[in-house]
PDB file of N, CA and C in Angstrom:
ATOM      1  N   UNK A   1     243.526 -80.472 -27.274  1.00  0.00           N
ATOM      2  CA  UNK A   1     242.875 -79.451 -26.469  1.00  0.00           C
ATOM      3  C   UNK A   1     242.620 -79.964 -25.057  1.00  0.00           C
ATOM      4  N   UNK A   2     242.234 -81.218 -24.951  1.00  0.00           N
ATOM      5  CA  UNK A   2     241.970 -81.792 -23.635  1.00  0.00           C
ATOM      6  C   UNK A   2     243.221 -81.894 -22.791  1.00  0.00           C
ATOM      7  N   UNK A   3     244.366 -82.126 -23.434  1.00  0.00           N
ATOM      8  CA  UNK A   3     245.629 -82.225 -22.686  1.00  0.00           C
ATOM      9  C   UNK A   3     246.010 -80.878 -22.094  1.00  0.00           C
ATOM     10  N   UNK A   4     245.743 -79.807 -22.818  1.00  0.00           N
ATOM     11  CA  UNK A   4     246.074 -78.469 -22.330  1.00  0.00           C
ATOM     12  C   UNK A   4     245.216 -78.117 -21.121  1.00  0.00           C
ATOM     13  N   UNK A   5     243.934 -78.414 -21.208  1.00  0.00           N
ATOM     14  CA  UNK A   5     243.030 -78.138 -20.088  1.00  0.00           C
ATOM     15  C   UNK A   5     243.434 -78.963 -18.876  1.00  0.00           C
ATOM     16  N   UNK A   6     243.748 -80.209 -19.080  1.00  0.00           N
ATOM     17  CA  UNK A   6     244.179 -81.080 -17.988  1.00  0.00           C
ATOM     18  C   UNK A   6     245.490 -80.570 -17.371  1.00  0.00           C
ATOM     19  N   UNK A   7     246.408 -80.085 -18.217  1.00  0.00           N
ATOM     20  CA  UNK A   7     247.670 -79.531 -17.732  1.00  0.00           C
ATOM     21  C   UNK A   7     247.428 -78.302 -16.856  1.00  0.00           C
ATOM     22  N   UNK A   8     246.542 -77.396 -17.304  1.00  0.00           N
ATOM     23  CA  UNK A   8     246.260 -76.194 -16.522  1.00  0.00           C
ATOM     24  C   UNK A   8     245.514 -76.519 -15.232  1.00  0.00           C
ATOM     25  N   UNK A   9     244.655 -77.506 -15.239  1.00  0.00           N
ATOM     26  CA  UNK A   9     243.994 -77.925 -14.004  1.00  0.00           C
ATOM     27  C   UNK A   9     245.006 -78.518 -13.019  1.00  0.00           C
ATOM     28  N   UNK A  10     245.929 -79.299 -13.524  1.00  0.00           N
ATOM     29  CA  UNK A  10     246.976 -79.855 -12.673  1.00  0.00           C
ATOM     30  C   UNK A  10     247.857 -78.740 -12.118  1.00  0.00           C
ATOM     31  N   UNK A  11     248.189 -77.771 -12.954  1.00  0.00           N
ATOM     32  CA  UNK A  11     248.997 -76.645 -12.518  1.00  0.00           C
ATOM     33  C   UNK A  11     248.273 -75.821 -11.450  1.00  0.00           C
ATOM     34  N   UNK A  12     246.973 -75.597 -11.619  1.00  0.00           N
ATOM     35  CA  UNK A  12     246.185 -74.865 -10.623  1.00  0.00           C
ATOM     36  C   UNK A  12     246.107 -75.641  -9.315  1.00  0.00           C
ATOM     37  N   UNK A  13     245.969 -76.965  -9.398  1.00  0.00           N
ATOM     38  CA  UNK A  13     245.923 -77.789  -8.199  1.00  0.00           C
ATOM     39  C   UNK A  13     247.250 -77.741  -7.446  1.00  0.00           C
ATOM     40  N   UNK A  14     248.359 -77.808  -8.175  1.00  0.00           N
ATOM     41  CA  UNK A  14     249.672 -77.719  -7.542  1.00  0.00           C
ATOM     42  C   UNK A  14     249.897 -76.340  -6.914  1.00  0.00           C
ATOM     43  N   UNK A  15     249.426 -75.301  -7.570  1.00  0.00           N
ATOM     44  CA  UNK A  15     249.549 -73.950  -7.015  1.00  0.00           C
ATOM     45  C   UNK A  15     248.723 -73.821  -5.743  1.00  0.00           C
ATOM     46  N   UNK A  16     247.537 -74.397  -5.729  1.00  0.00           N
ATOM     47  CA  UNK A  16     246.692 -74.365  -4.538  1.00  0.00           C
ATOM     48  C   UNK A  16     247.334 -75.132  -3.390  1.00  0.00           C
ATOM     49  N   UNK A  17     247.875 -76.297  -3.680  1.00  0.00           N
ATOM     50  CA  UNK A  17     248.552 -77.068  -2.640  1.00  0.00           C
ATOM     51  C   UNK A  17     249.796 -76.344  -2.135  1.00  0.00           C
ATOM     52  N   UNK A  18     250.506 -75.679  -3.011  1.00  0.00           N
ATOM     53  CA  UNK A  18     251.665 -74.895  -2.598  1.00  0.00           C
ATOM     54  C   UNK A  18     251.280 -73.731  -1.704  1.00  0.00           C
ATOM     55  N   UNK A  19     250.173 -73.062  -2.020  1.00  0.00           N
ATOM     56  CA  UNK A  19     249.701 -71.960  -1.198  1.00  0.00           C
ATOM     57  C   UNK A  19     249.259 -72.446   0.177  1.00  0.00           C
ATOM     58  N   UNK A  20     248.590 -73.569   0.219  1.00  0.00           N
ATOM     59  CA  UNK A  20     248.164 -74.137   1.504  1.00  0.00           C
ATOM     60  C   UNK A  20     249.387 -74.541   2.324  1.00  0.00           C
ATOM     61  N   UNK A  21     250.348 -75.166   1.701  1.00  0.00           N
ATOM     62  CA  UNK A  21     251.570 -75.548   2.404  1.00  0.00           C
ATOM     63  C   UNK A  21     252.334 -74.341   2.915  1.00  0.00           C
ATOM     64  N   UNK A  22     252.385 -73.286   2.129  1.00  0.00           N
ATOM     65  CA  UNK A  22     253.077 -72.071   2.548  1.00  0.00           C
ATOM     66  C   UNK A  22     252.370 -71.417   3.730  1.00  0.00           C
ATOM     67  N   UNK A  23     251.045 -71.423   3.711  1.00  0.00           N
ATOM     68  CA  UNK A  23     250.313 -70.788   4.805  1.00  0.00           C
ATOM     69  C   UNK A  23     250.442 -71.581   6.100  1.00  0.00           C
ATOM     70  N   UNK A  24     250.556 -72.901   6.021  1.00  0.00           N
ATOM     71  CA  UNK A  24     250.718 -73.706   7.222  1.00  0.00           C
ATOM     72  C   UNK A  24     252.165 -73.748   7.708  1.00  0.00           C
ATOM     73  N   UNK A  25     253.104 -73.264   6.912  1.00  0.00           N
ATOM     74  CA  UNK A  25     254.515 -73.356   7.287  1.00  0.00           C
ATOM     75  C   UNK A  25     254.891 -72.353   8.371  1.00  0.00           C
ATOM     76  N   UNK A  26     254.106 -71.321   8.592  1.00  0.00           N
ATOM     77  CA  UNK A  26     254.394 -70.353   9.640  1.00  0.00           C
ATOM     78  C   UNK A  26     254.947 -69.039   9.141  1.00  0.00           C
ATOM     79  N   UNK A  27     255.131 -68.892   7.847  1.00  0.00           N
ATOM     80  CA  UNK A  27     255.653 -67.641   7.323  1.00  0.00           C
ATOM     81  C   UNK A  27     254.592 -66.544   7.298  1.00  0.00           C
ATOM     82  N   UNK A  28     253.345 -66.894   7.392  1.00  0.00           N
ATOM     83  CA  UNK A  28     252.273 -65.904   7.331  1.00  0.00           C
ATOM     84  C   UNK A  28     251.749 -65.507   8.713  1.00  0.00           C
ATOM     85  N   UNK A  29     252.498 -65.805   9.771  1.00  0.00           N
ATOM     86  CA  UNK A  29     252.063 -65.470  11.126  1.00  0.00           C
ATOM     87  C   UNK A  29     252.362 -63.991  11.379  1.00  0.00           C
ATOM     88  N   UNK A  30     251.363 -63.201  11.767  1.00  0.00           N
ATOM     89  CA  UNK A  30     251.606 -61.783  12.006  1.00  0.00           C
ATOM     90  C   UNK A  30     252.374 -61.557  13.305  1.00  0.00           C
ATOM     91  N   UNK A  31     253.077 -60.450  13.391  1.00  0.00           N
ATOM     92  CA  UNK A  31     253.758 -60.095  14.621  1.00  0.00           C
ATOM     93  C   UNK A  31     252.734 -59.664  15.654  1.00  0.00           C
ATOM     94  N   UNK A  32     252.933 -60.113  16.883  1.00  0.00           N
ATOM     95  CA  UNK A  32     251.977 -59.804  17.935  1.00  0.00           C
ATOM     96  C   UNK A  32     252.584 -58.801  18.898  1.00  0.00           C
ATOM     97  N   UNK A  33     251.742 -57.908  19.372  1.00  0.00           N
ATOM     98  CA  UNK A  33     252.156 -56.955  20.385  1.00  0.00           C
ATOM     99  C   UNK A  33     250.959 -56.664  21.275  1.00  0.00           C
ATOM    100  N   UNK A  34     251.232 -56.365  22.522  1.00  0.00           N
ATOM    101  CA  UNK A  34     250.128 -56.084  23.439  1.00  0.00           C
ATOM    102  C   UNK A  34     249.808 -54.593  23.387  1.00  0.00           C
ATOM    103  N   UNK A  35     248.535 -54.296  23.382  1.00  0.00           N
ATOM    104  CA  UNK A  35     248.069 -52.917  23.333  1.00  0.00           C
ATOM    105  C   UNK A  35     247.202 -52.690  24.561  1.00  0.00           C
ATOM    106  N   UNK A  36     247.590 -51.710  25.366  1.00  0.00           N
ATOM    107  CA  UNK A  36     246.794 -51.373  26.547  1.00  0.00           C
ATOM    108  C   UNK A  36     246.292 -49.947  26.397  1.00  0.00           C
ATOM    109  N   UNK A  37     245.017 -49.775  26.606  1.00  0.00           N
ATOM    110  CA  UNK A  37     244.383 -48.467  26.523  1.00  0.00           C
ATOM    111  C   UNK A  37     243.575 -48.242  27.788  1.00  0.00           C
ATOM    112  N   UNK A  38     243.839 -47.148  28.505  1.00  0.00           N
ATOM    113  CA  UNK A  38     243.052 -46.890  29.714  1.00  0.00           C
ATOM    114  C   UNK A  38     241.610 -46.517  29.348  1.00  0.00           C
ATOM    115  N   UNK A  39     240.701 -46.973  30.168  1.00  0.00           N
ATOM    116  CA  UNK A  39     239.271 -46.711  29.932  1.00  0.00           C
ATOM    117  C   UNK A  39     238.744 -45.939  31.130  1.00  0.00           C
ATOM    118  N   UNK A  40     238.092 -44.808  30.853  1.00  0.00           N
ATOM    119  CA  UNK A  40     237.474 -44.027  31.914  1.00  0.00           C
ATOM    120  C   UNK A  40     235.979 -44.319  31.934  1.00  0.00           C
ATOM    121  N   UNK A  41     235.479 -44.730  33.096  1.00  0.00           N
ATOM    122  CA  UNK A  41     234.073 -45.038  33.246  1.00  0.00           C
ATOM    123  C   UNK A  41     233.362 -43.869  33.906  1.00  0.00           C
ATOM    124  N   UNK A  42     232.248 -43.465  33.331  1.00  0.00           N
ATOM    125  CA  UNK A  42     231.445 -42.397  33.921  1.00  0.00           C
ATOM    126  C   UNK A  42     230.511 -43.000  34.961  1.00  0.00           C
ATOM    127  N   UNK A  43     230.898 -42.898  36.222  1.00  0.00           N
ATOM    128  CA  UNK A  43     230.064 -43.425  37.303  1.00  0.00           C
ATOM    129  C   UNK A  43     229.551 -42.228  38.090  1.00  0.00           C
ATOM    130  N   UNK A  44     228.386 -41.765  37.702  1.00  0.00           N
ATOM    131  CA  UNK A  44     227.786 -40.602  38.376  1.00  0.00           C
ATOM    132  C   UNK A  44     226.557 -41.005  39.126  1.00  0.00           C
TER     133      UNK A  44
END
């Protein structure tokens, strides 16, 4: 029973490290675009 728990903990650790590596690899970078919106100021 202890070997199974240890195996699943190791598997979870490897999955976490894989997710961290994937996020730092640059595949999760969103596309950027500039948005300009005119603003009208009420100066009375």
